[in-house]
Amino acid sequence: TVKKLHHLFIKINIKKKMNKYFCIENQYMQIVSSHQRHQVEFGCLEDKIEQDNPVRFIEAFVEHIELEKLGFQARATKQEGRPGFDAKLFLKIYFYGYLNGIRSSRRLAKECVRNIELQWLCVQLQPNYHSICDFRKDNPKALSNTFKLFVSFLKNEQLVSGETIAIDGTKVRAYNSKKQNYSAKKLERHLVYIETKTNEYLTALAENDEQEDAIKVSDVAQKIERLKTNKIYYEQLQEKLAESGDTQISVTDADARALLVQGQVVEVAYNVQAAVDAKHNLVVATHTINKNDRNALSAIAKEAKANLEVETYTALVDKGYHNGRQIDQCQQANITTIVAAPTLVNSNEYGTTAAYMVTQFTYNESTDTYTCPQGETLTTKGTWHKKTRERDSYRFKKYRTPKCKTCAVKHLCTGRQQGGREIDRSEYAAAVEINNTNYKNNAALYRKRQEINEHIFGTIKRKWSYYYTDLIGLDKVNGEYSLIMLVYNMKRCFKIVGIEKLISKIKSWQPEYPKPIIFAGILALKEAIWCMIYLSKKNSAIKIAC
């Protein structure tokens, strides 16, 4: 027992010595010492912002441009009350906010108080959230002009080449739910449902009258009144839809539309178009629309050409944009199109086989005829027919041959029991054939399309979470996404050139602001001349006039 107590006493002493040792070691461990919160210091905000901080570029860029020439409107100051803030202050705040993933005006107002970078940028001015919000809402067109002005800076510094441009679009959610978006069929379904339920409730009322159940009668009467109110609401929407001539109507945001996003997935959204230069993957043109890509090519292609002020360039576009009219308009504007052709699919298993699809027929331009795979000639009477669809309309000519009746392979060529095979040739077929030839001859170049522009939408929507908008109205959404694309270009330039070099380039740059109306007229005349030259290749009479 004495030995056990002795060993226990030794262990306790050792443990005490070890604890004492570790305590002594902790006293001498190296830790970072803190400053006292109440310590008075001498310094300024300028010392706390590094020379390569992005806020210094924002300051240099905004101070170098003239906002009035871009269309920014300052709110009129009343005689009473405090003076208003300079428009440049709000533009700086929004540049900083979108560069750092902050788009809420309330959050931006808070950051002006607590964020040392914004304190430096705003020179410690602290506008309220309502003033910040109104600036973005009131100046969508000016924000688009600012984007275009920055593109001219990129061109001036040779950061864009203007030779090869990839065009694509992406859908962003609108500030309107699916429930608040109606088509004619959806409204009709609601009205039929109301009629059915009203009849059910009236039957229930009659039964309750016989049973004299006052509680249920009151409940059914309230439901009938609610159905009457809903019926009036849906009928008013039907009238508005009929007056608009559109296929759908949105309640919260009148400009938003239900668009096909992927496969069968539909969202009430806007479609943001972007044209991206191949040299450094910088956006050179952008605007927002409320329709799908099929009728969107010529507008974004011409905008890119106008922003870069080039005579011609090559546009790489996916098959969702393949439209004869749009391709023809691009070629008239001297833009070389490489648009992927959609795959032809025969939905009738007893119809045309692969060997006799329209692509296997040869068109003879000199005689205006088609030659089928069997060597027979299909002719036309020269009559123009018109095909009208929900998406667009176009003219076409029909080509036929009487030899179809006795042809041995008619069952492989057409599923029609009466008559023979007919070929429709659109008025834009020549432009489509030129485009398809470009696509076949430039397969390697076309494969670069995704490398050029797809990652931009991935960065904006996934990494920055700008996959939706809280603004209402097409013009405002267009202004916001012009700002987002401008900020994207800024970040790219920070990596490509460096912030300090970029600041020095901005200070030596001479901006060219939107041209007056007379110069816009000259540009329009220039486009008309290109169209005449293009058409003169097809018509000798027009060639003489040119």
Protein backbone atom coordinates (compact mmCIF):
# COMPACT_ATOMS: atom_id res chain seq x y z
CA THR A 1 0.00 0.00 0.00
CA VAL A 2 2.88 2.36 0.86
CA LYS A 3 4.54 1.57 -2.46
CA LYS A 4 1.31 2.26 -4.37
CA LEU A 5 0.89 5.61 -2.59
CA HIS A 6 4.52 6.48 -3.34
CA HIS A 7 4.09 5.74 -7.08
CA LEU A 8 0.85 7.71 -7.15
CA PHE A 9 2.55 10.69 -5.49
CA ILE A 10 5.35 10.59 -8.10
CA LYS A 11 2.81 10.52 -10.97
CA ILE A 12 0.93 13.51 -9.53
CA ASN A 13 4.19 15.51 -9.22
CA ILE A 14 5.19 14.68 -12.79
CA LYS A 15 1.76 15.73 -14.06
CA LYS A 16 1.97 19.03 -12.17
CA LYS A 17 5.44 19.72 -13.59
CA MET A 18 4.22 18.95 -17.14
CA ASN A 19 1.22 21.25 -16.75
CA LYS A 20 3.51 23.97 -15.43
CA TYR A 21 5.86 23.41 -18.38
CA PHE A 22 3.07 23.76 -20.95
CA CYS A 23 1.75 26.88 -19.24
CA ILE A 24 5.21 28.42 -19.40
CA GLU A 25 5.50 27.46 -23.07
CA ASN A 26 2.14 29.06 -23.83
CA GLN A 27 3.37 32.30 -22.34
CA TYR A 28 6.25 32.39 -24.83
CA MET A 29 4.36 31.16 -27.96
CA GLN A 30 4.48 33.63 -30.92
CA ILE A 31 1.05 35.12 -31.68
CA VAL A 32 -0.01 38.16 -33.71
CA SER A 33 -0.67 41.03 -31.40
CA SER A 34 -3.79 43.16 -32.01
CA HIS A 35 -4.26 46.91 -32.10
CA GLN A 36 -6.34 48.71 -29.55
CA ARG A 37 -9.74 49.81 -30.87
CA HIS A 38 -9.52 53.14 -29.10
CA GLN A 39 -6.04 53.93 -30.42
CA VAL A 40 -5.99 57.21 -32.36
CA GLU A 41 -4.26 56.82 -35.76
CA PHE A 42 -3.19 59.27 -38.44
CA GLY A 43 -3.88 58.33 -42.08
CA CYS A 44 -6.31 58.65 -44.98
CA LEU A 45 -8.46 56.45 -47.20
CA GLU A 46 -6.02 56.86 -50.08
CA ASP A 47 -3.35 54.93 -48.14
CA LYS A 48 -5.68 51.96 -47.61
CA ILE A 49 -6.50 51.31 -51.31
CA GLU A 50 -3.83 49.46 -53.30
CA GLN A 51 -2.72 50.81 -56.67
CA ASP A 52 -4.01 47.69 -58.48
CA ASN A 53 -7.42 47.73 -56.80
CA PRO A 54 -10.31 47.56 -59.33
CA VAL A 55 -11.98 50.60 -57.72
CA ARG A 56 -9.15 52.76 -59.07
CA PHE A 57 -10.04 51.69 -62.62
CA ILE A 58 -13.74 52.40 -61.99
CA GLU A 59 -12.79 55.87 -60.74
CA ALA A 60 -10.54 56.54 -63.75
CA PHE A 61 -13.09 55.30 -66.31
CA VAL A 62 -16.16 57.13 -64.92
CA GLU A 63 -14.27 60.40 -64.40
CA HIS A 64 -12.87 60.24 -67.94
CA ILE A 65 -16.23 59.98 -69.76
CA GLU A 66 -19.01 62.56 -70.15
CA LEU A 67 -22.26 61.05 -68.91
CA GLU A 68 -24.47 63.70 -70.52
CA LYS A 69 -23.31 62.65 -74.00
CA LEU A 70 -24.23 59.05 -73.18
CA GLY A 71 -27.77 60.03 -72.24
CA PHE A 72 -27.64 59.85 -68.43
CA GLN A 73 -30.33 62.02 -66.90
CA ALA A 74 -29.84 63.82 -63.62
CA ARG A 75 -32.93 64.26 -61.48
CA ALA A 76 -34.13 67.86 -61.29
CA THR A 77 -33.26 69.49 -57.94
CA LYS A 78 -36.08 71.24 -56.13
CA GLN A 79 -35.62 74.66 -54.58
CA GLU A 80 -36.19 73.29 -51.10
CA GLY A 81 -34.36 70.34 -49.56
CA ARG A 82 -30.84 69.03 -49.93
CA PRO A 83 -28.98 69.02 -53.29
CA GLY A 84 -28.88 65.87 -55.40
CA PHE A 85 -25.93 63.56 -56.02
CA ASP A 86 -23.81 63.55 -59.16
CA ALA A 87 -24.80 60.82 -61.68
CA LYS A 88 -21.16 59.66 -61.76
CA LEU A 89 -21.48 58.63 -58.10
CA PHE A 90 -24.30 56.18 -58.87
CA LEU A 91 -22.51 54.76 -61.93
CA LYS A 92 -19.43 54.07 -59.78
CA ILE A 93 -21.59 52.36 -57.16
CA TYR A 94 -23.23 50.09 -59.73
CA PHE A 95 -19.93 49.20 -61.38
CA TYR A 96 -18.55 48.22 -57.99
CA GLY A 97 -21.73 46.35 -57.04
CA TYR A 98 -21.94 44.23 -60.19
CA LEU A 99 -18.19 43.54 -60.09
CA ASN A 100 -18.70 42.08 -56.61
CA GLY A 101 -22.05 40.34 -57.07
CA ILE A 102 -24.16 43.01 -55.33
CA ARG A 103 -27.16 44.20 -57.35
CA SER A 104 -29.65 45.10 -54.59
CA SER A 105 -29.92 48.87 -54.06
CA ARG A 106 -30.48 48.35 -50.30
CA ARG A 107 -27.34 46.26 -49.98
CA LEU A 108 -25.37 48.79 -52.01
CA ALA A 109 -26.56 51.57 -49.68
CA LYS A 110 -25.29 49.54 -46.69
CA GLU A 111 -21.97 48.88 -48.40
CA CYS A 112 -21.47 52.63 -48.89
CA VAL A 113 -21.47 52.93 -45.08
CA ARG A 114 -19.35 49.93 -44.04
CA ASN A 115 -17.18 49.09 -47.09
CA ILE A 116 -13.84 50.89 -47.13
CA GLU A 117 -13.46 50.47 -50.94
CA LEU A 118 -16.84 52.10 -51.57
CA GLN A 119 -16.01 54.80 -49.03
CA TRP A 120 -12.95 55.63 -51.13
CA LEU A 121 -14.86 55.38 -54.41
CA CYS A 122 -17.78 57.52 -53.19
CA VAL A 123 -15.52 59.91 -51.25
CA GLN A 124 -17.55 58.93 -48.15
CA LEU A 125 -20.86 60.06 -49.66
CA GLN A 126 -23.76 57.82 -48.62
CA PRO A 127 -26.81 58.03 -50.94
CA ASN A 128 -29.95 56.20 -49.81
CA TYR A 129 -31.18 53.04 -51.50
CA HIS A 130 -34.05 54.77 -53.28
CA SER A 131 -31.74 57.17 -55.12
CA ILE A 132 -29.46 54.26 -56.09
CA CYS A 133 -32.44 52.25 -57.37
CA ASP A 134 -33.89 55.15 -59.39
CA PHE A 135 -30.60 55.70 -61.25
CA ARG A 136 -30.62 52.21 -62.77
CA LYS A 137 -34.36 52.38 -63.46
CA ASP A 138 -34.19 55.80 -65.18
CA ASN A 139 -31.11 55.22 -67.39
CA PRO A 140 -31.39 51.87 -69.27
CA LYS A 141 -30.55 53.40 -72.67
CA ALA A 142 -27.57 55.29 -71.23
CA LEU A 143 -26.22 52.06 -69.70
CA SER A 144 -26.41 50.42 -73.15
CA ASN A 145 -24.54 53.41 -74.63
CA THR A 146 -21.87 53.06 -71.93
CA PHE A 147 -21.36 49.42 -72.94
CA LYS A 148 -20.94 50.46 -76.59
CA LEU A 149 -18.49 53.18 -75.58
CA PHE A 150 -16.37 50.64 -73.69
CA VAL A 151 -16.38 48.42 -76.80
CA SER A 152 -14.92 51.36 -78.76
CA PHE A 153 -12.17 51.57 -76.11
CA LEU A 154 -11.45 47.85 -76.57
CA LYS A 155 -11.20 48.36 -80.31
CA ASN A 156 -8.94 51.40 -79.85
CA GLU A 157 -6.57 49.31 -77.72
CA GLN A 158 -6.71 46.40 -80.21
CA LEU A 159 -8.20 44.05 -77.62
CA VAL A 160 -10.80 42.96 -80.20
CA SER A 161 -10.05 42.04 -83.82
CA GLY A 162 -13.51 42.23 -85.41
CA GLU A 163 -12.73 39.33 -87.75
CA THR A 164 -14.49 36.32 -86.20
CA ILE A 165 -17.46 36.75 -83.85
CA ALA A 166 -19.54 34.05 -82.15
CA ILE A 167 -23.20 34.83 -81.51
CA ASP A 168 -25.44 33.13 -78.98
CA GLY A 169 -28.21 33.81 -76.49
CA THR A 170 -29.26 32.68 -73.01
CA LYS A 171 -32.54 32.82 -71.10
CA VAL A 172 -32.79 34.71 -67.79
CA ARG A 173 -35.82 34.48 -65.53
CA ALA A 174 -38.15 37.44 -65.59
CA TYR A 175 -39.89 39.00 -62.58
CA ASN A 176 -43.08 37.13 -63.48
CA SER A 177 -44.20 33.66 -62.38
CA LYS A 178 -45.61 31.00 -64.68
CA LYS A 179 -48.97 31.34 -62.95
CA GLN A 180 -49.15 34.99 -64.01
CA ASN A 181 -48.47 34.20 -67.67
CA TYR A 182 -51.47 33.30 -69.85
CA SER A 183 -52.02 32.06 -73.39
CA ALA A 184 -55.41 31.93 -75.13
CA LYS A 185 -55.69 28.18 -74.41
CA LYS A 186 -54.79 28.63 -70.74
CA LEU A 187 -57.44 31.34 -70.30
CA GLU A 188 -60.00 29.14 -72.02
CA ARG A 189 -59.17 26.26 -69.65
CA HIS A 190 -59.67 28.55 -66.63
CA LEU A 191 -63.05 29.74 -67.92
CA VAL A 192 -64.23 26.18 -68.65
CA TYR A 193 -63.16 25.15 -65.14
CA ILE A 194 -65.07 28.10 -63.62
CA GLU A 195 -68.18 27.21 -65.62
CA THR A 196 -67.99 23.56 -64.51
CA LYS A 197 -67.46 24.41 -60.84
CA THR A 198 -70.25 27.02 -60.92
CA ASN A 199 -72.71 24.40 -62.20
CA GLU A 200 -71.60 21.99 -59.47
CA TYR A 201 -72.10 24.63 -56.77
CA LEU A 202 -75.53 25.62 -58.14
CA THR A 203 -76.56 21.97 -58.01
CA ALA A 204 -75.27 21.80 -54.43
CA LEU A 205 -77.28 24.95 -53.60
CA ALA A 206 -80.46 23.36 -54.92
CA GLU A 207 -79.84 20.25 -52.85
CA ASN A 208 -79.07 22.33 -49.75
CA ASP A 209 -82.33 24.27 -50.24
CA GLU A 210 -84.24 21.03 -49.99
CA GLN A 211 -82.27 19.97 -46.90
CA GLU A 212 -82.35 23.50 -45.41
CA ASP A 213 -78.68 23.36 -44.42
CA ALA A 214 -77.87 27.06 -43.83
CA ILE A 215 -74.12 26.61 -43.13
CA LYS A 216 -73.36 24.80 -46.36
CA VAL A 217 -75.54 27.18 -48.39
CA SER A 218 -73.53 30.15 -47.12
CA ASP A 219 -70.24 28.42 -47.93
CA VAL A 220 -71.32 27.56 -51.50
CA ALA A 221 -72.62 31.09 -52.11
CA GLN A 222 -69.22 32.54 -51.18
CA LYS A 223 -67.47 30.17 -53.59
CA ILE A 224 -69.82 31.15 -56.41
CA GLU A 225 -69.09 34.83 -55.79
CA ARG A 226 -65.36 34.14 -55.91
CA LEU A 227 -65.77 32.25 -59.20
CA LYS A 228 -67.72 35.18 -60.67
CA THR A 229 -64.89 37.57 -59.72
CA ASN A 230 -62.30 35.24 -61.28
CA LYS A 231 -64.40 34.90 -64.44
CA ILE A 232 -64.51 38.68 -64.89
CA TYR A 233 -60.72 38.82 -64.35
CA TYR A 234 -59.99 36.14 -66.97
CA GLU A 235 -62.41 37.67 -69.48
CA GLN A 236 -60.62 41.01 -69.12
CA LEU A 237 -57.31 39.25 -69.78
CA GLN A 238 -58.84 37.63 -72.88
CA GLU A 239 -59.82 41.07 -74.19
CA LYS A 240 -56.34 42.48 -73.55
CA LEU A 241 -54.74 39.49 -75.28
CA ALA A 242 -57.01 39.88 -78.31
CA GLU A 243 -56.24 43.62 -78.54
CA SER A 244 -52.48 43.05 -78.30
CA GLY A 245 -52.46 40.53 -81.16
CA ASP A 246 -49.84 38.51 -79.24
CA THR A 247 -49.98 34.83 -78.35
CA GLN A 248 -49.55 35.33 -74.60
CA ILE A 249 -49.88 37.93 -71.86
CA SER A 250 -47.95 38.40 -68.60
CA VAL A 251 -49.53 40.16 -65.64
CA THR A 252 -46.60 41.24 -63.44
CA ASP A 253 -44.15 42.09 -66.24
CA ALA A 254 -46.07 42.84 -69.45
CA ASP A 255 -42.92 42.38 -71.61
CA ALA A 256 -41.93 38.95 -70.23
CA ARG A 257 -42.75 35.87 -72.31
CA ALA A 258 -42.84 32.11 -71.78
CA LEU A 259 -39.78 30.87 -73.68
CA LEU A 260 -38.48 27.39 -74.35
CA VAL A 261 -35.31 26.99 -72.27
CA GLN A 262 -34.24 23.41 -72.97
CA GLY A 263 -36.09 20.38 -74.30
CA GLN A 264 -39.66 20.79 -73.02
CA VAL A 265 -38.73 23.14 -70.15
CA VAL A 266 -40.48 26.51 -70.38
CA GLU A 267 -39.74 29.58 -68.24
CA VAL A 268 -41.18 33.08 -68.21
CA ALA A 269 -37.98 34.79 -69.21
CA TYR A 270 -35.99 37.17 -71.37
CA ASN A 271 -33.43 36.18 -74.01
CA VAL A 272 -30.05 37.90 -73.63
CA GLN A 273 -28.13 38.03 -76.93
CA ALA A 274 -24.35 38.41 -77.03
CA ALA A 275 -21.77 38.70 -79.82
CA VAL A 276 -18.27 37.73 -78.65
CA ASP A 277 -15.01 38.53 -80.40
CA ALA A 278 -12.67 35.57 -80.89
CA LYS A 279 -9.39 37.36 -80.02
CA HIS A 280 -9.84 37.67 -76.23
CA ASN A 281 -13.44 36.45 -75.80
CA LEU A 282 -14.75 39.95 -75.13
CA VAL A 283 -18.40 40.88 -75.69
CA VAL A 284 -18.77 43.41 -78.52
CA ALA A 285 -22.58 43.58 -78.79
CA THR A 286 -25.52 42.70 -76.56
CA HIS A 287 -29.21 43.34 -76.21
CA THR A 288 -32.19 41.63 -74.60
CA ILE A 289 -35.28 40.37 -76.43
CA ASN A 290 -38.47 38.56 -75.40
CA LYS A 291 -38.55 35.93 -78.16
CA ASN A 292 -36.55 32.86 -79.15
CA ASP A 293 -33.38 32.84 -81.26
CA ARG A 294 -34.98 31.99 -84.60
CA ASN A 295 -35.70 35.62 -85.58
CA ALA A 296 -32.84 37.25 -83.65
CA LEU A 297 -29.72 36.80 -85.80
CA SER A 298 -29.67 39.87 -88.04
CA ALA A 299 -30.26 42.39 -85.23
CA ILE A 300 -27.35 41.24 -83.03
CA ALA A 301 -25.07 40.66 -86.06
CA LYS A 302 -25.67 44.19 -87.38
CA GLU A 303 -25.22 45.66 -83.90
CA ALA A 304 -21.81 43.99 -83.61
CA LYS A 305 -20.81 45.37 -87.00
CA ALA A 306 -21.93 48.90 -86.04
CA ASN A 307 -20.16 48.80 -82.65
CA LEU A 308 -16.88 47.66 -84.20
CA GLU A 309 -17.26 49.87 -87.32
CA VAL A 310 -15.91 47.15 -89.62
CA GLU A 311 -16.78 46.48 -93.26
CA THR A 312 -17.28 42.74 -92.81
CA TYR A 313 -16.68 39.85 -90.41
CA THR A 314 -17.47 36.15 -90.01
CA ALA A 315 -20.32 35.19 -87.66
CA LEU A 316 -20.34 31.74 -86.01
CA VAL A 317 -23.87 30.82 -84.96
CA ASP A 318 -25.62 27.65 -83.74
CA LYS A 319 -28.51 25.99 -85.57
CA GLY A 320 -31.18 27.58 -83.36
CA TYR A 321 -30.68 30.78 -85.41
CA HIS A 322 -31.04 29.08 -88.81
CA ASN A 323 -33.61 31.19 -90.64
CA GLY A 324 -33.53 32.06 -94.36
CA ARG A 325 -34.70 35.65 -93.94
CA GLN A 326 -32.23 36.36 -91.12
CA ILE A 327 -29.31 34.81 -93.00
CA ASP A 328 -30.22 36.79 -96.13
CA GLN A 329 -30.33 40.08 -94.17
CA CYS A 330 -26.86 39.35 -92.72
CA GLN A 331 -25.41 38.65 -96.15
CA GLN A 332 -26.99 41.86 -97.48
CA ALA A 333 -25.14 43.69 -94.68
CA ASN A 334 -21.86 42.09 -95.93
CA ILE A 335 -21.61 39.69 -92.96
CA THR A 336 -20.33 36.19 -93.71
CA THR A 337 -22.54 33.71 -91.87
CA ILE A 338 -21.60 30.23 -90.70
CA VAL A 339 -24.85 28.97 -89.18
CA ALA A 340 -25.20 25.26 -88.50
CA ALA A 341 -28.02 23.72 -90.55
CA PRO A 342 -30.71 21.84 -88.57
CA THR A 343 -31.00 18.11 -89.24
CA LEU A 344 -33.90 17.23 -91.54
CA VAL A 345 -36.20 14.67 -89.92
CA ASN A 346 -39.03 12.80 -91.65
CA SER A 347 -41.85 12.25 -89.16
CA ASN A 348 -43.80 10.03 -91.60
CA GLU A 349 -42.39 6.50 -91.66
CA TYR A 350 -44.19 5.84 -94.98
CA GLY A 351 -42.95 9.09 -96.53
CA THR A 352 -39.62 10.28 -97.93
CA THR A 353 -36.59 8.08 -97.26
CA ALA A 354 -33.11 9.42 -96.55
CA ALA A 355 -31.92 8.86 -100.13
CA TYR A 356 -34.66 11.13 -101.48
CA MET A 357 -34.62 14.01 -99.00
CA VAL A 358 -34.67 17.51 -100.52
CA THR A 359 -30.90 17.82 -99.97
CA GLN A 360 -30.40 15.02 -102.53
CA PHE A 361 -32.10 17.11 -105.27
CA THR A 362 -29.83 19.37 -107.34
CA TYR A 363 -30.93 22.93 -108.15
CA ASN A 364 -30.00 24.35 -111.55
CA GLU A 365 -29.85 28.14 -111.27
CA SER A 366 -29.65 28.85 -115.01
CA THR A 367 -32.85 26.95 -115.84
CA ASP A 368 -34.56 27.39 -112.45
CA THR A 369 -35.22 23.65 -112.19
CA TYR A 370 -34.45 20.76 -109.84
CA THR A 371 -32.98 17.38 -110.84
CA CYS A 372 -34.07 14.42 -108.72
CA PRO A 373 -31.80 11.45 -107.81
CA GLN A 374 -33.41 9.50 -110.69
CA GLY A 375 -32.33 12.18 -113.19
CA GLU A 376 -35.79 13.63 -113.84
CA THR A 377 -36.31 17.42 -114.06
CA LEU A 378 -38.75 19.25 -111.78
CA THR A 379 -40.01 22.58 -113.17
CA THR A 380 -42.00 25.50 -111.76
CA LYS A 381 -44.72 27.75 -113.16
CA GLY A 382 -43.02 30.73 -111.48
CA THR A 383 -45.93 31.46 -109.15
CA TRP A 384 -44.98 32.72 -105.69
CA HIS A 385 -46.93 31.14 -102.83
CA LYS A 386 -46.94 32.45 -99.26
CA LYS A 387 -46.51 30.33 -96.16
CA THR A 388 -47.44 31.99 -92.86
CA ARG A 389 -46.47 30.53 -89.51
CA GLU A 390 -46.74 31.75 -85.96
CA ARG A 391 -42.99 32.48 -85.98
CA ASP A 392 -42.62 34.06 -89.44
CA SER A 393 -43.80 34.00 -93.05
CA TYR A 394 -42.05 33.68 -96.41
CA ARG A 395 -42.69 33.19 -100.15
CA PHE A 396 -41.82 30.07 -102.09
CA LYS A 397 -42.18 28.41 -105.50
CA LYS A 398 -43.32 24.83 -106.17
CA TYR A 399 -41.40 22.42 -108.44
CA ARG A 400 -43.06 19.28 -109.91
CA THR A 401 -42.68 16.70 -112.67
CA PRO A 402 -45.35 14.47 -114.29
CA LYS A 403 -42.84 11.60 -114.37
CA CYS A 404 -43.61 10.87 -110.71
CA LYS A 405 -46.78 9.01 -111.68
CA THR A 406 -44.84 6.28 -113.48
CA CYS A 407 -41.68 6.37 -111.35
CA ALA A 408 -40.61 2.98 -109.96
CA VAL A 409 -39.29 4.47 -106.70
CA LYS A 410 -42.19 6.81 -105.97
CA HIS A 411 -42.93 4.97 -102.69
CA LEU A 412 -39.37 5.85 -101.53
CA CYS A 413 -39.63 9.49 -102.61
CA THR A 414 -43.07 10.55 -101.31
CA GLY A 415 -45.90 9.22 -99.21
CA ARG A 416 -48.55 11.06 -101.24
CA GLN A 417 -51.09 8.75 -102.86
CA GLN A 418 -52.49 11.44 -105.16
CA GLY A 419 -50.00 13.30 -107.37
CA GLY A 420 -46.21 13.21 -107.12
CA ARG A 421 -43.30 14.76 -105.29
CA GLU A 422 -43.23 18.54 -104.80
CA ILE A 423 -40.19 20.66 -103.89
CA ASP A 424 -40.71 24.05 -102.23
CA ARG A 425 -37.96 26.63 -102.84
CA SER A 426 -37.97 29.63 -100.52
CA GLU A 427 -37.16 33.15 -101.71
CA TYR A 428 -34.16 32.95 -99.34
CA ALA A 429 -32.88 29.60 -100.64
CA ALA A 430 -29.84 31.16 -102.39
CA ALA A 431 -28.67 32.82 -99.16
CA VAL A 432 -29.17 29.56 -97.23
CA GLU A 433 -27.15 27.62 -99.81
CA ILE A 434 -24.25 30.10 -99.51
CA ASN A 435 -24.39 29.75 -95.73
CA ASN A 436 -24.49 25.94 -95.88
CA THR A 437 -21.45 25.96 -98.17
CA ASN A 438 -19.61 28.20 -95.69
CA TYR A 439 -20.51 25.76 -92.91
CA LYS A 440 -19.17 22.74 -94.82
CA ASN A 441 -15.93 24.49 -95.83
CA ASN A 442 -15.15 25.89 -92.36
CA ALA A 443 -15.84 22.99 -90.00
CA ALA A 444 -12.66 23.58 -87.95
CA LEU A 445 -13.47 27.27 -87.47
CA TYR A 446 -17.07 26.55 -86.49
CA ARG A 447 -15.95 24.14 -83.76
CA LYS A 448 -14.41 27.12 -81.94
CA ARG A 449 -17.84 28.71 -81.47
CA GLN A 450 -18.50 27.12 -78.09
CA GLU A 451 -14.99 27.97 -76.87
CA ILE A 452 -15.60 31.63 -77.67
CA ASN A 453 -18.99 32.39 -76.18
CA GLU A 454 -20.48 29.54 -74.11
CA HIS A 455 -18.32 30.13 -71.01
CA ILE A 456 -19.46 33.76 -70.79
CA PHE A 457 -23.03 32.73 -69.99
CA GLY A 458 -21.74 30.07 -67.59
CA THR A 459 -19.72 32.68 -65.70
CA ILE A 460 -22.55 35.23 -65.57
CA LYS A 461 -25.31 32.80 -64.59
CA ARG A 462 -23.54 30.18 -62.44
CA LYS A 463 -20.59 31.94 -60.86
CA TRP A 464 -22.12 35.41 -60.52
CA SER A 465 -25.76 34.19 -60.09
CA TYR A 466 -27.13 36.68 -62.64
CA TYR A 467 -29.59 34.07 -63.97
CA TYR A 468 -32.62 36.23 -63.13
CA THR A 469 -33.67 39.86 -63.08
CA ASP A 470 -35.70 41.85 -60.56
CA LEU A 471 -36.39 44.67 -63.01
CA ILE A 472 -39.70 44.98 -64.85
CA GLY A 473 -39.87 45.92 -68.54
CA LEU A 474 -37.77 45.01 -71.57
CA ASP A 475 -35.91 48.35 -71.69
CA LYS A 476 -34.82 48.14 -68.04
CA VAL A 477 -33.72 44.51 -68.33
CA ASN A 478 -31.78 45.42 -71.47
CA GLY A 479 -29.99 48.19 -69.55
CA GLU A 480 -29.12 45.88 -66.66
CA TYR A 481 -27.63 43.15 -68.84
CA SER A 482 -25.68 45.73 -70.85
CA LEU A 483 -24.16 46.73 -67.51
CA ILE A 484 -23.44 43.07 -66.67
CA MET A 485 -21.69 42.50 -70.02
CA LEU A 486 -19.66 45.68 -69.54
CA VAL A 487 -18.55 44.47 -66.10
CA TYR A 488 -17.62 41.10 -67.64
CA ASN A 489 -15.43 42.89 -70.19
CA MET A 490 -13.81 44.89 -67.37
CA LYS A 491 -12.87 41.74 -65.45
CA ARG A 492 -11.46 40.13 -68.58
CA CYS A 493 -9.35 43.23 -69.26
CA PHE A 494 -8.03 43.21 -65.69
CA LYS A 495 -6.61 39.72 -66.39
CA ILE A 496 -5.42 40.40 -69.94
CA VAL A 497 -3.81 43.83 -69.50
CA GLY A 498 -3.55 44.52 -65.76
CA ILE A 499 -5.33 47.22 -63.78
CA GLU A 500 -2.51 49.78 -63.60
CA LYS A 501 -1.79 49.58 -67.35
CA LEU A 502 -5.50 49.75 -68.08
CA ILE A 503 -5.82 52.94 -66.02
CA SER A 504 -3.03 54.61 -67.96
CA LYS A 505 -4.65 53.57 -71.26
CA ILE A 506 -8.02 54.97 -70.15
CA LYS A 507 -6.49 58.32 -69.25
CA SER A 508 -4.89 58.68 -72.70
CA TRP A 509 -8.01 57.48 -74.59
CA GLN A 510 -10.17 59.93 -76.55
CA PRO A 511 -13.79 58.65 -76.36
CA GLU A 512 -16.05 58.81 -79.41
CA TYR A 513 -19.62 59.33 -78.26
CA PRO A 514 -22.80 58.31 -80.14
CA LYS A 515 -22.91 60.16 -83.45
CA PRO A 516 -25.55 62.81 -84.23
CA ILE A 517 -28.53 61.99 -86.46
CA ILE A 518 -26.77 63.18 -89.65
CA PHE A 519 -23.96 60.64 -89.16
CA ALA A 520 -26.49 57.91 -88.36
CA GLY A 521 -28.13 58.73 -91.71
CA ILE A 522 -24.79 58.34 -93.50
CA LEU A 523 -24.30 54.91 -91.90
CA ALA A 524 -27.83 53.89 -92.96
CA LEU A 525 -27.04 55.02 -96.54
CA LYS A 526 -23.84 52.97 -96.42
CA GLU A 527 -25.86 49.89 -95.40
CA ALA A 528 -28.32 50.54 -98.25
CA ILE A 529 -25.46 50.68 -100.77
CA TRP A 530 -24.16 47.31 -99.52
CA CYS A 531 -27.68 45.88 -99.95
CA MET A 532 -27.86 47.20 -103.52
CA ILE A 533 -24.48 45.69 -104.38
CA TYR A 534 -25.60 42.36 -102.92
CA LEU A 535 -28.87 42.38 -104.87
CA SER A 536 -27.11 43.46 -108.07
CA LYS A 537 -25.41 40.08 -108.17
CA LYS A 538 -28.87 38.54 -108.64
CA ASN A 539 -30.53 41.07 -110.92
CA SER A 540 -28.91 42.77 -113.92
CA ALA A 541 -31.44 45.65 -113.86
CA ILE A 542 -30.45 46.54 -110.30
CA LYS A 543 -26.80 46.22 -111.32
CA ILE A 544 -27.29 48.88 -114.01
CA ALA A 545 -29.01 51.16 -111.47
CA CYS A 546 -26.10 50.74 -109.04
